[in-house]
Amino acid sequence: MKKMLFTLPILAMALSACQTRDQNAALGAVGGAVVGAAVSSGSDRTKGALIGAAAGVAASTLVGPATSPGQCYYRNSRGERFIADC
């Protein structure tokens, strides 16, 4: 479990440079699955991961990437988000 806590931020940083619609959904699914598995009981970890992954994809779709084709959200060093060409 500790490996996952160290791996998830690295994965998030790798995918956060330019978030396309697919990357946003993948990151939401992975993050949701990790959180779902972490908060569920020992016998229900798989079910918790599946529910968490579904919730993560739904949340990432609602937050969503930039709506225009060829546009992506970027985040600067202060954590501010802006839209620019991919």
PDB file of N, CA and C in Angstrom:
ATOM      1  N   MET A   1       0.820  -1.190   0.000  1.00  0.00           N
ATOM      2  CA  MET A   1       0.000   0.000   0.000  1.00  0.00           C
ATOM      3  C   MET A   1       0.868   1.260   0.000  1.00  0.00           C
ATOM      4  N   LYS A   2       2.012   1.201   0.703  1.00  0.00           N
ATOM      5  CA  LYS A   2       2.883   2.368   0.731  1.00  0.00           C
ATOM      6  C   LYS A   2       3.466   2.659  -0.645  1.00  0.00           C
ATOM      7  N   LYS A   3       3.723   1.603  -1.428  1.00  0.00           N
ATOM      8  CA  LYS A   3       4.224   1.820  -2.788  1.00  0.00           C
ATOM      9  C   LYS A   3       3.215   2.602  -3.614  1.00  0.00           C
ATOM     10  N   MET A   4       1.931   2.273  -3.447  1.00  0.00           N
ATOM     11  CA  MET A   4       0.888   2.973  -4.205  1.00  0.00           C
ATOM     12  C   MET A   4       0.830   4.448  -3.815  1.00  0.00           C
ATOM     13  N   LEU A   5       1.032   4.753  -2.539  1.00  0.00           N
ATOM     14  CA  LEU A   5       0.989   6.143  -2.096  1.00  0.00           C
ATOM     15  C   LEU A   5       2.139   6.954  -2.683  1.00  0.00           C
ATOM     16  N   PHE A   6       3.263   6.309  -2.969  1.00  0.00           N
ATOM     17  CA  PHE A   6       4.375   7.004  -3.583  1.00  0.00           C
ATOM     18  C   PHE A   6       4.270   7.022  -5.106  1.00  0.00           C
ATOM     19  N   THR A   7       3.652   6.008  -5.683  1.00  0.00           N
ATOM     20  CA  THR A   7       3.545   5.905  -7.130  1.00  0.00           C
ATOM     21  C   THR A   7       2.466   6.830  -7.683  1.00  0.00           C
ATOM     22  N   LEU A   8       1.356   6.985  -6.973  1.00  0.00           N
ATOM     23  CA  LEU A   8       0.240   7.777  -7.470  1.00  0.00           C
ATOM     24  C   LEU A   8       0.612   9.244  -7.737  1.00  0.00           C
ATOM     25  N   PRO A   9       1.324   9.945  -6.841  1.00  0.00           N
ATOM     26  CA  PRO A   9       1.697  11.328  -7.171  1.00  0.00           C
ATOM     27  C   PRO A   9       2.609  11.436  -8.390  1.00  0.00           C
ATOM     28  N   ILE A  10       3.488  10.472  -8.572  1.00  0.00           N
ATOM     29  CA  ILE A  10       4.375  10.495  -9.741  1.00  0.00           C
ATOM     30  C   ILE A  10       3.555  10.312 -11.015  1.00  0.00           C
ATOM     31  N   LEU A  11       2.589   9.396 -10.974  1.00  0.00           N
ATOM     32  CA  LEU A  11       1.708   9.189 -12.115  1.00  0.00           C
ATOM     33  C   LEU A  11       0.877  10.436 -12.393  1.00  0.00           C
ATOM     34  N   ALA A  12       0.398  11.063 -11.347  1.00  0.00           N
ATOM     35  CA  ALA A  12      -0.402  12.283 -11.513  1.00  0.00           C
ATOM     36  C   ALA A  12       0.421  13.397 -12.141  1.00  0.00           C
ATOM     37  N   MET A  13       1.670  13.551 -11.725  1.00  0.00           N
ATOM     38  CA  MET A  13       2.521  14.590 -12.309  1.00  0.00           C
ATOM     39  C   MET A  13       2.822  14.293 -13.772  1.00  0.00           C
ATOM     40  N   ALA A  14       3.003  13.033 -14.101  1.00  0.00           N
ATOM     41  CA  ALA A  14       3.315  12.669 -15.483  1.00  0.00           C
ATOM     42  C   ALA A  14       2.138  12.961 -16.402  1.00  0.00           C
ATOM     43  N   LEU A  15       0.925  12.760 -15.919  1.00  0.00           N
ATOM     44  CA  LEU A  15      -0.253  12.981 -16.744  1.00  0.00           C
ATOM     45  C   LEU A  15      -0.792  14.409 -16.685  1.00  0.00           C
ATOM     46  N   SER A  16      -0.287  15.222 -15.760  1.00  0.00           N
ATOM     47  CA  SER A  16      -0.886  16.530 -15.569  1.00  0.00           C
ATOM     48  C   SER A  16      -0.285  17.623 -16.445  1.00  0.00           C
ATOM     49  N   ALA A  17       0.763  17.355 -17.177  1.00  0.00           N
ATOM     50  CA  ALA A  17       1.366  18.395 -18.005  1.00  0.00           C
ATOM     51  C   ALA A  17       0.364  18.922 -19.015  1.00  0.00           C
ATOM     52  N   CYS A  18      -0.283  18.069 -19.747  1.00  0.00           N
ATOM     53  CA  CYS A  18      -1.363  18.451 -20.654  1.00  0.00           C
ATOM     54  C   CYS A  18      -2.434  17.388 -20.521  1.00  0.00           C
ATOM     55  N   GLN A  19      -3.590  17.781 -20.040  1.00  0.00           N
ATOM     56  CA  GLN A  19      -4.630  16.800 -19.793  1.00  0.00           C
ATOM     57  C   GLN A  19      -5.611  16.756 -20.952  1.00  0.00           C
ATOM     58  N   THR A  20      -5.544  15.699 -21.716  1.00  0.00           N
ATOM     59  CA  THR A  20      -6.547  15.486 -22.738  1.00  0.00           C
ATOM     60  C   THR A  20      -7.712  14.737 -22.101  1.00  0.00           C
ATOM     61  N   ARG A  21      -8.772  14.545 -22.837  1.00  0.00           N
ATOM     62  CA  ARG A  21      -9.957  13.881 -22.296  1.00  0.00           C
ATOM     63  C   ARG A  21      -9.645  12.454 -21.833  1.00  0.00           C
ATOM     64  N   ASP A  22      -8.859  11.709 -22.607  1.00  0.00           N
ATOM     65  CA  ASP A  22      -8.520  10.337 -22.235  1.00  0.00           C
ATOM     66  C   ASP A  22      -7.614  10.284 -21.010  1.00  0.00           C
ATOM     67  N   GLN A  23      -6.625  11.191 -20.945  1.00  0.00           N
ATOM     68  CA  GLN A  23      -5.731  11.216 -19.798  1.00  0.00           C
ATOM     69  C   GLN A  23      -6.497  11.591 -18.535  1.00  0.00           C
ATOM     70  N   ASN A  24      -7.419  12.516 -18.653  1.00  0.00           N
ATOM     71  CA  ASN A  24      -8.205  12.939 -17.504  1.00  0.00           C
ATOM     72  C   ASN A  24      -9.043  11.781 -16.979  1.00  0.00           C
ATOM     73  N   ALA A  25      -9.672  11.022 -17.872  1.00  0.00           N
ATOM     74  CA  ALA A  25     -10.483   9.875 -17.459  1.00  0.00           C
ATOM     75  C   ALA A  25      -9.619   8.783 -16.854  1.00  0.00           C
ATOM     76  N   ALA A  26      -8.448   8.540 -17.427  1.00  0.00           N
ATOM     77  CA  ALA A  26      -7.553   7.504 -16.898  1.00  0.00           C
ATOM     78  C   ALA A  26      -7.064   7.873 -15.505  1.00  0.00           C
ATOM     79  N   LEU A  27      -6.693   9.123 -15.315  1.00  0.00           N
ATOM     80  CA  LEU A  27      -6.230   9.560 -14.007  1.00  0.00           C
ATOM     81  C   LEU A  27      -7.360   9.494 -12.984  1.00  0.00           C
ATOM     82  N   GLY A  28      -8.571   9.850 -13.387  1.00  0.00           N
ATOM     83  CA  GLY A  28      -9.723   9.745 -12.493  1.00  0.00           C
ATOM     84  C   GLY A  28     -10.001   8.307 -12.103  1.00  0.00           C
ATOM     85  N   ALA A  29      -9.885   7.389 -13.063  1.00  0.00           N
ATOM     86  CA  ALA A  29     -10.121   5.973 -12.782  1.00  0.00           C
ATOM     87  C   ALA A  29      -9.069   5.412 -11.838  1.00  0.00           C
ATOM     88  N   VAL A  30      -7.811   5.720 -12.087  1.00  0.00           N
ATOM     89  CA  VAL A  30      -6.731   5.211 -11.234  1.00  0.00           C
ATOM     90  C   VAL A  30      -6.849   5.786  -9.831  1.00  0.00           C
ATOM     91  N   GLY A  31      -7.045   7.085  -9.743  1.00  0.00           N
ATOM     92  CA  GLY A  31      -7.174   7.717  -8.433  1.00  0.00           C
ATOM     93  C   GLY A  31      -8.377   7.196  -7.671  1.00  0.00           C
ATOM     94  N   GLY A  32      -9.505   7.063  -8.346  1.00  0.00           N
ATOM     95  CA  GLY A  32     -10.703   6.544  -7.704  1.00  0.00           C
ATOM     96  C   GLY A  32     -10.545   5.112  -7.247  1.00  0.00           C
ATOM     97  N   ALA A  33      -9.874   4.299  -8.047  1.00  0.00           N
ATOM     98  CA  ALA A  33      -9.659   2.899  -7.674  1.00  0.00           C
ATOM     99  C   ALA A  33      -8.766   2.793  -6.445  1.00  0.00           C
ATOM    100  N   VAL A  34      -7.725   3.599  -6.387  1.00  0.00           N
ATOM    101  CA  VAL A  34      -6.819   3.571  -5.233  1.00  0.00           C
ATOM    102  C   VAL A  34      -7.556   4.001  -3.969  1.00  0.00           C
ATOM    103  N   VAL A  35      -8.301   5.089  -4.063  1.00  0.00           N
ATOM    104  CA  VAL A  35      -9.043   5.565  -2.895  1.00  0.00           C
ATOM    105  C   VAL A  35     -10.132   4.568  -2.510  1.00  0.00           C
ATOM    106  N   GLY A  36     -10.845   4.034  -3.486  1.00  0.00           N
ATOM    107  CA  GLY A  36     -11.889   3.057  -3.195  1.00  0.00           C
ATOM    108  C   GLY A  36     -11.356   1.813  -2.519  1.00  0.00           C
ATOM    109  N   ALA A  37     -10.210   1.331  -2.964  1.00  0.00           N
ATOM    110  CA  ALA A  37      -9.608   0.148  -2.341  1.00  0.00           C
ATOM    111  C   ALA A  37      -9.089   0.469  -0.944  1.00  0.00           C
ATOM    112  N   ALA A  38      -8.597   1.684  -0.756  1.00  0.00           N
ATOM    113  CA  ALA A  38      -8.034   2.064   0.536  1.00  0.00           C
ATOM    114  C   ALA A  38      -9.106   2.211   1.611  1.00  0.00           C
ATOM    115  N   VAL A  39     -10.279   2.698   1.247  1.00  0.00           N
ATOM    116  CA  VAL A  39     -11.305   2.943   2.264  1.00  0.00           C
ATOM    117  C   VAL A  39     -12.250   1.759   2.459  1.00  0.00           C
ATOM    118  N   SER A  40     -12.170   0.753   1.631  1.00  0.00           N
ATOM    119  CA  SER A  40     -13.067  -0.397   1.775  1.00  0.00           C
ATOM    120  C   SER A  40     -12.465  -1.420   2.739  1.00  0.00           C
ATOM    121  N   SER A  41     -13.311  -2.343   3.198  1.00  0.00           N
ATOM    122  CA  SER A  41     -12.837  -3.372   4.121  1.00  0.00           C
ATOM    123  C   SER A  41     -11.976  -4.392   3.380  1.00  0.00           C
ATOM    124  N   GLY A  42     -11.285  -5.221   4.127  1.00  0.00           N
ATOM    125  CA  GLY A  42     -10.357  -6.187   3.532  1.00  0.00           C
ATOM    126  C   GLY A  42     -11.003  -7.147   2.562  1.00  0.00           C
ATOM    127  N   SER A  43     -12.231  -7.567   2.834  1.00  0.00           N
ATOM    128  CA  SER A  43     -12.882  -8.538   1.956  1.00  0.00           C
ATOM    129  C   SER A  43     -13.531  -7.895   0.742  1.00  0.00           C
ATOM    130  N   ASP A  44     -13.709  -6.588   0.761  1.00  0.00           N
ATOM    131  CA  ASP A  44     -14.384  -5.892  -0.333  1.00  0.00           C
ATOM    132  C   ASP A  44     -13.475  -4.944  -1.099  1.00  0.00           C
ATOM    133  N   ARG A  45     -12.183  -5.165  -1.095  1.00  0.00           N
ATOM    134  CA  ARG A  45     -11.253  -4.244  -1.760  1.00  0.00           C
ATOM    135  C   ARG A  45     -11.497  -4.165  -3.268  1.00  0.00           C
ATOM    136  N   THR A  46     -11.784  -5.293  -3.896  1.00  0.00           N
ATOM    137  CA  THR A  46     -12.021  -5.284  -5.344  1.00  0.00           C
ATOM    138  C   THR A  46     -13.277  -4.502  -5.671  1.00  0.00           C
ATOM    139  N   LYS A  47     -14.341  -4.743  -4.924  1.00  0.00           N
ATOM    140  CA  LYS A  47     -15.585  -4.007  -5.153  1.00  0.00           C
ATOM    141  C   LYS A  47     -15.378  -2.515  -4.880  1.00  0.00           C
ATOM    142  N   GLY A  48     -14.635  -2.185  -3.841  1.00  0.00           N
ATOM    143  CA  GLY A  48     -14.346  -0.787  -3.538  1.00  0.00           C
ATOM    144  C   GLY A  48     -13.530  -0.125  -4.631  1.00  0.00           C
ATOM    145  N   ALA A  49     -12.566  -0.862  -5.187  1.00  0.00           N
ATOM    146  CA  ALA A  49     -11.750  -0.320  -6.271  1.00  0.00           C
ATOM    147  C   ALA A  49     -12.589  -0.086  -7.525  1.00  0.00           C
ATOM    148  N   LEU A  50     -13.487  -1.018  -7.832  1.00  0.00           N
ATOM    149  CA  LEU A  50     -14.342  -0.848  -9.016  1.00  0.00           C
ATOM    150  C   LEU A  50     -15.300   0.327  -8.856  1.00  0.00           C
ATOM    151  N   ILE A  51     -15.904   0.447  -7.686  1.00  0.00           N
ATOM    152  CA  ILE A  51     -16.806   1.572  -7.441  1.00  0.00           C
ATOM    153  C   ILE A  51     -16.027   2.887  -7.453  1.00  0.00           C
ATOM    154  N   GLY A  52     -14.840   2.889  -6.856  1.00  0.00           N
ATOM    155  CA  GLY A  52     -13.999   4.085  -6.862  1.00  0.00           C
ATOM    156  C   GLY A  52     -13.565   4.485  -8.261  1.00  0.00           C
ATOM    157  N   ALA A  53     -13.232   3.494  -9.091  1.00  0.00           N
ATOM    158  CA  ALA A  53     -12.829   3.790 -10.469  1.00  0.00           C
ATOM    159  C   ALA A  53     -13.987   4.394 -11.251  1.00  0.00           C
ATOM    160  N   ALA A  54     -15.181   3.845 -11.076  1.00  0.00           N
ATOM    161  CA  ALA A  54     -16.352   4.400 -11.766  1.00  0.00           C
ATOM    162  C   ALA A  54     -16.640   5.824 -11.301  1.00  0.00           C
ATOM    163  N   ALA A  55     -16.536   6.054  -9.995  1.00  0.00           N
ATOM    164  CA  ALA A  55     -16.758   7.401  -9.469  1.00  0.00           C
ATOM    165  C   ALA A  55     -15.680   8.366  -9.954  1.00  0.00           C
ATOM    166  N   GLY A  56     -14.438   7.891 -10.051  1.00  0.00           N
ATOM    167  CA  GLY A  56     -13.351   8.735 -10.535  1.00  0.00           C
ATOM    168  C   GLY A  56     -13.526   9.139 -11.990  1.00  0.00           C
ATOM    169  N   VAL A  57     -13.967   8.208 -12.825  1.00  0.00           N
ATOM    170  CA  VAL A  57     -14.221   8.532 -14.234  1.00  0.00           C
ATOM    171  C   VAL A  57     -15.379   9.529 -14.346  1.00  0.00           C
ATOM    172  N   ALA A  58     -16.438   9.299 -13.560  1.00  0.00           N
ATOM    173  CA  ALA A  58     -17.577  10.222 -13.594  1.00  0.00           C
ATOM    174  C   ALA A  58     -17.161  11.615 -13.141  1.00  0.00           C
ATOM    175  N   ALA A  59     -16.382  11.696 -12.077  1.00  0.00           N
ATOM    176  CA  ALA A  59     -15.938  12.996 -11.585  1.00  0.00           C
ATOM    177  C   ALA A  59     -15.016  13.689 -12.583  1.00  0.00           C
ATOM    178  N   SER A  60     -14.120  12.927 -13.201  1.00  0.00           N
ATOM    179  CA  SER A  60     -13.202  13.544 -14.164  1.00  0.00           C
ATOM    180  C   SER A  60     -13.938  14.004 -15.413  1.00  0.00           C
ATOM    181  N   THR A  61     -15.027  13.337 -15.754  1.00  0.00           N
ATOM    182  CA  THR A  61     -15.826  13.767 -16.893  1.00  0.00           C
ATOM    183  C   THR A  61     -16.572  15.056 -16.565  1.00  0.00           C
ATOM    184  N   LEU A  62     -17.054  15.173 -15.329  1.00  0.00           N
ATOM    185  CA  LEU A  62     -17.748  16.394 -14.933  1.00  0.00           C
ATOM    186  C   LEU A  62     -16.797  17.575 -14.855  1.00  0.00           C
ATOM    187  N   VAL A  63     -15.616  17.358 -14.305  1.00  0.00           N
ATOM    188  CA  VAL A  63     -14.623  18.426 -14.240  1.00  0.00           C
ATOM    189  C   VAL A  63     -14.104  18.682 -15.641  1.00  0.00           C
ATOM    190  N   GLY A  64     -13.734  17.621 -16.302  1.00  0.00           N
ATOM    191  CA  GLY A  64     -13.402  17.606 -17.722  1.00  0.00           C
ATOM    192  C   GLY A  64     -12.224  18.445 -18.164  1.00  0.00           C
ATOM    193  N   PRO A  65     -11.674  18.074 -19.286  1.00  0.00           N
ATOM    194  CA  PRO A  65     -10.616  18.872 -19.911  1.00  0.00           C
ATOM    195  C   PRO A  65     -11.220  20.042 -20.669  1.00  0.00           C
ATOM    196  N   ALA A  66     -10.389  20.815 -21.286  1.00  0.00           N
ATOM    197  CA  ALA A  66     -10.865  21.938 -22.088  1.00  0.00           C
ATOM    198  C   ALA A  66     -11.816  21.423 -23.163  1.00  0.00           C
ATOM    199  N   THR A  67     -12.830  22.197 -23.500  1.00  0.00           N
ATOM    200  CA  THR A  67     -13.859  21.711 -24.409  1.00  0.00           C
ATOM    201  C   THR A  67     -13.496  21.855 -25.876  1.00  0.00           C
ATOM    202  N   SER A  68     -12.633  22.764 -26.226  1.00  0.00           N
ATOM    203  CA  SER A  68     -12.287  22.968 -27.636  1.00  0.00           C
ATOM    204  C   SER A  68     -11.280  21.929 -28.089  1.00  0.00           C
ATOM    205  N   PRO A  69     -11.428  21.388 -29.301  1.00  0.00           N
ATOM    206  CA  PRO A  69     -10.435  20.441 -29.816  1.00  0.00           C
ATOM    207  C   PRO A  69      -9.066  21.107 -29.921  1.00  0.00           C
ATOM    208  N   GLY A  70      -8.047  20.390 -29.533  1.00  0.00           N
ATOM    209  CA  GLY A  70      -6.689  20.927 -29.606  1.00  0.00           C
ATOM    210  C   GLY A  70      -6.332  21.826 -28.435  1.00  0.00           C
ATOM    211  N   GLN A  71      -7.214  21.956 -27.473  1.00  0.00           N
ATOM    212  CA  GLN A  71      -6.964  22.778 -26.297  1.00  0.00           C
ATOM    213  C   GLN A  71      -6.795  21.871 -25.086  1.00  0.00           C
ATOM    214  N   CYS A  72      -5.897  22.232 -24.188  1.00  0.00           N
ATOM    215  CA  CYS A  72      -5.648  21.450 -22.983  1.00  0.00           C
ATOM    216  C   CYS A  72      -5.566  22.380 -21.779  1.00  0.00           C
ATOM    217  N   TYR A  73      -5.855  21.814 -20.615  1.00  0.00           N
ATOM    218  CA  TYR A  73      -5.614  22.535 -19.371  1.00  0.00           C
ATOM    219  C   TYR A  73      -4.156  22.362 -18.994  1.00  0.00           C
ATOM    220  N   TYR A  74      -3.534  23.415 -18.561  1.00  0.00           N
ATOM    221  CA  TYR A  74      -2.180  23.370 -18.026  1.00  0.00           C
ATOM    222  C   TYR A  74      -2.222  23.927 -16.622  1.00  0.00           C
ATOM    223  N   ARG A  75      -1.250  23.559 -15.808  1.00  0.00           N
ATOM    224  CA  ARG A  75      -1.159  24.056 -14.440  1.00  0.00           C
ATOM    225  C   ARG A  75       0.247  24.625 -14.253  1.00  0.00           C
ATOM    226  N   ASN A  76       0.331  25.866 -13.781  1.00  0.00           N
ATOM    227  CA  ASN A  76       1.647  26.469 -13.580  1.00  0.00           C
ATOM    228  C   ASN A  76       2.191  26.119 -12.202  1.00  0.00           C
ATOM    229  N   SER A  77       3.346  26.655 -11.846  1.00  0.00           N
ATOM    230  CA  SER A  77       4.005  26.293 -10.588  1.00  0.00           C
ATOM    231  C   SER A  77       3.237  26.774  -9.363  1.00  0.00           C
ATOM    232  N   ARG A  78       2.352  27.741  -9.528  1.00  0.00           N
ATOM    233  CA  ARG A  78       1.530  28.219  -8.406  1.00  0.00           C
ATOM    234  C   ARG A  78       0.231  27.439  -8.275  1.00  0.00           C
ATOM    235  N   GLY A  79       0.006  26.466  -9.159  1.00  0.00           N
ATOM    236  CA  GLY A  79      -1.195  25.649  -9.102  1.00  0.00           C
ATOM    237  C   GLY A  79      -2.368  26.230  -9.865  1.00  0.00           C
ATOM    238  N   GLU A  80      -2.171  27.326 -10.563  1.00  0.00           N
ATOM    239  CA  GLU A  80      -3.246  27.944 -11.336  1.00  0.00           C
ATOM    240  C   GLU A  80      -3.417  27.204 -12.656  1.00  0.00           C
ATOM    241  N   ARG A  81      -4.667  26.998 -13.065  1.00  0.00           N
ATOM    242  CA  ARG A  81      -4.954  26.299 -14.324  1.00  0.00           C
ATOM    243  C   ARG A  81      -5.250  27.326 -15.406  1.00  0.00           C
ATOM    244  N   PHE A  82      -4.791  27.015 -16.629  1.00  0.00           N
ATOM    245  CA  PHE A  82      -5.115  27.833 -17.797  1.00  0.00           C
ATOM    246  C   PHE A  82      -5.244  26.956 -19.011  1.00  0.00           C
ATOM    247  N   ILE A  83      -5.871  27.467 -20.044  1.00  0.00           N
ATOM    248  CA  ILE A  83      -6.117  26.720 -21.271  1.00  0.00           C
ATOM    249  C   ILE A  83      -5.195  27.265 -22.364  1.00  0.00           C
ATOM    250  N   ALA A  84      -4.576  26.342 -23.104  1.00  0.00           N
ATOM    251  CA  ALA A  84      -3.698  26.725 -24.223  1.00  0.00           C
ATOM    252  C   ALA A  84      -3.696  25.571 -25.223  1.00  0.00           C
ATOM    253  N   ASP A  85      -3.082  25.807 -26.388  1.00  0.00           N
ATOM    254  CA  ASP A  85      -2.973  24.748 -27.402  1.00  0.00           C
ATOM    255  C   ASP A  85      -2.155  23.595 -26.870  1.00  0.00           C
ATOM    256  N   CYS A  86      -2.541  22.393 -27.234  1.00  0.00           N
ATOM    257  CA  CYS A  86      -1.803  21.187 -26.794  1.00  0.00           C
ATOM    258  C   CYS A  86      -0.506  21.051 -27.544  1.00  0.00           C
TER     259      CYS A  86
END
